[in-house]
Amino acid sequence: MKDYGPTILRIVVGIVYVMHSYVALARFTPAGTAAFMANVGLPAPALTAWIVIAVHGLGGLLLILGLWTRWAAAANAIIMLVALVKVHLPQGFFLKVMAGGASVGGFEFVLLLLAATVALILAGSGALAIKRSR
């Protein structure tokens, strides 16, 4: 049964990353995502935007499938660490709900997602994975 803990975590975290990629592509657009990257001072914002979109999308899919779990988690952990330090830490701990229900600011969710991602690096893919890592 203990192998199912990482499985549940892996699938849910993978879904979150895939959805982040989808929102960056379809809603914010790559150009809008790049503009945000430039605004927070990240280097090569257009390239950085595409890297984040690709890592979240492909990495999230790999997590869902349980394929190269530790590598997919490591790539996403790097992105989340940068997001934590460059974007969310200065805004305090709690998310703030804006008009229309959008949440902004605060680092609580990013910290939780980073911790879950690091847990997958340490624990591996768990059960029901295409390539099970132990």
Protein backbone atom coordinates (compact mmCIF):
# COMPACT_ATOMS: atom_id res chain seq x y z
CA MET A 1 0.00 0.00 0.00
CA LYS A 2 2.85 2.45 0.71
CA ASP A 3 3.64 2.59 -3.03
CA TYR A 4 0.28 4.25 -3.67
CA GLY A 5 1.15 7.43 -1.73
CA PRO A 6 3.70 8.55 -4.32
CA THR A 7 1.33 7.42 -7.08
CA ILE A 8 -1.46 9.72 -5.93
CA LEU A 9 0.98 12.58 -5.41
CA ARG A 10 2.61 12.01 -8.82
CA ILE A 11 -0.68 12.03 -10.73
CA VAL A 12 -2.13 15.08 -8.96
CA VAL A 13 1.09 17.10 -9.23
CA GLY A 14 1.36 16.10 -12.89
CA ILE A 15 -2.17 17.35 -13.55
CA VAL A 16 -1.36 20.68 -11.86
CA TYR A 17 1.73 21.15 -14.05
CA VAL A 18 -0.12 20.22 -17.25
CA MET A 19 -2.84 22.73 -16.39
CA HIS A 20 -0.26 25.44 -15.67
CA SER A 21 1.23 24.78 -19.10
CA TYR A 22 -2.20 24.90 -20.72
CA VAL A 23 -3.06 28.23 -19.08
CA ALA A 24 0.28 29.73 -20.12
CA LEU A 25 -0.33 28.62 -23.72
CA ALA A 26 -4.04 29.16 -24.20
CA ARG A 27 -5.03 31.89 -21.80
CA PHE A 28 -1.99 34.06 -21.15
CA THR A 29 -0.38 33.14 -24.52
CA PRO A 30 3.37 32.62 -24.86
CA ALA A 31 3.81 36.35 -25.56
CA GLY A 32 1.91 37.27 -22.40
CA THR A 33 3.88 34.73 -20.40
CA ALA A 34 7.12 36.19 -21.80
CA ALA A 35 5.99 39.70 -20.86
CA PHE A 36 5.39 38.50 -17.30
CA MET A 37 8.84 36.87 -17.24
CA ALA A 38 10.39 40.16 -18.38
CA ASN A 39 8.42 42.07 -15.74
CA VAL A 40 9.84 39.94 -12.91
CA GLY A 41 13.37 40.22 -14.31
CA LEU A 42 13.98 36.74 -15.67
CA PRO A 43 16.61 36.49 -18.42
CA ALA A 44 15.66 35.84 -22.06
CA PRO A 45 11.94 36.09 -21.26
CA ALA A 46 10.63 34.65 -24.56
CA LEU A 47 12.92 31.62 -24.29
CA THR A 48 12.26 31.28 -20.56
CA ALA A 49 8.49 31.34 -21.18
CA TRP A 50 8.73 28.52 -23.72
CA ILE A 51 11.00 26.48 -21.42
CA VAL A 52 8.54 26.83 -18.53
CA ILE A 53 5.57 25.95 -20.77
CA ALA A 54 7.39 22.90 -22.16
CA VAL A 55 8.73 21.65 -18.83
CA HIS A 56 5.37 22.04 -17.09
CA GLY A 57 3.50 20.42 -19.99
CA LEU A 58 5.84 17.58 -20.89
CA GLY A 59 7.08 17.11 -17.34
CA GLY A 60 3.53 17.03 -16.03
CA LEU A 61 2.55 14.43 -18.62
CA LEU A 62 5.57 12.31 -17.70
CA LEU A 63 4.59 12.52 -14.04
CA ILE A 64 1.02 11.43 -14.80
CA LEU A 65 2.34 8.45 -16.77
CA GLY A 66 5.07 7.61 -14.27
CA LEU A 67 7.80 7.84 -16.87
CA TRP A 68 11.16 9.34 -15.84
CA THR A 69 9.44 10.63 -12.71
CA ARG A 70 12.52 11.86 -10.90
CA TRP A 71 13.82 13.75 -13.96
CA ALA A 72 10.43 15.32 -14.68
CA ALA A 73 10.06 16.30 -11.03
CA ALA A 74 13.59 17.74 -10.88
CA ALA A 75 13.02 19.94 -13.93
CA ASN A 76 9.75 21.23 -12.49
CA ALA A 77 11.29 21.72 -9.03
CA ILE A 78 13.89 24.08 -10.51
CA ILE A 79 11.15 26.16 -12.12
CA MET A 80 9.10 26.23 -8.93
CA LEU A 81 12.13 27.27 -6.87
CA VAL A 82 12.77 30.19 -9.22
CA ALA A 83 9.05 31.11 -9.12
CA LEU A 84 9.12 30.98 -5.33
CA VAL A 85 12.16 33.24 -5.00
CA LYS A 86 11.59 35.67 -7.89
CA VAL A 87 7.80 36.04 -7.85
CA HIS A 88 6.01 34.78 -4.75
CA LEU A 89 8.24 35.28 -1.67
CA PRO A 90 8.08 39.09 -1.84
CA GLN A 91 4.27 38.93 -1.78
CA GLY A 92 3.92 37.27 1.61
CA PHE A 93 2.66 33.84 2.60
CA PHE A 94 -1.06 33.89 1.81
CA LEU A 95 -2.71 33.93 -1.59
CA LYS A 96 -4.98 36.89 -2.17
CA VAL A 97 -8.29 36.40 -3.94
CA MET A 98 -9.01 39.09 -6.51
CA ALA A 99 -12.32 40.14 -8.04
CA GLY A 100 -13.52 37.35 -10.28
CA GLY A 101 -12.00 34.69 -8.05
CA ALA A 102 -8.41 34.76 -9.38
CA SER A 103 -5.73 34.08 -6.77
CA VAL A 104 -2.50 36.05 -6.87
CA GLY A 105 0.52 36.70 -4.71
CA GLY A 106 1.52 34.68 -1.71
CA PHE A 107 3.88 31.73 -1.73
CA GLU A 108 1.83 29.12 0.14
CA PHE A 109 0.70 27.20 -2.97
CA VAL A 110 4.08 27.41 -4.72
CA LEU A 111 5.83 26.19 -1.56
CA LEU A 112 3.41 23.26 -1.27
CA LEU A 113 3.82 22.36 -4.95
CA LEU A 114 7.62 22.59 -4.64
CA ALA A 115 7.59 20.34 -1.56
CA ALA A 116 5.35 17.79 -3.30
CA THR A 117 7.64 17.84 -6.34
CA VAL A 118 10.76 17.34 -4.21
CA ALA A 119 8.97 14.47 -2.42
CA LEU A 120 8.55 12.81 -5.83
CA ILE A 121 12.27 13.21 -6.52
CA LEU A 122 12.99 11.43 -3.23
CA ALA A 123 10.22 8.80 -3.33
CA GLY A 124 10.13 7.95 -7.02
CA SER A 125 7.09 7.10 -9.07
CA GLY A 126 5.29 4.65 -6.79
CA ALA A 127 2.85 2.10 -8.18
CA LEU A 128 1.05 2.18 -11.53
CA ALA A 129 3.94 3.79 -13.40
CA ILE A 130 5.16 3.05 -16.90
CA LYS A 131 8.74 3.06 -15.65
CA ARG A 132 8.81 2.50 -11.95
CA SER A 133 11.62 4.27 -10.08
CA ARG A 134 12.58 3.03 -6.64
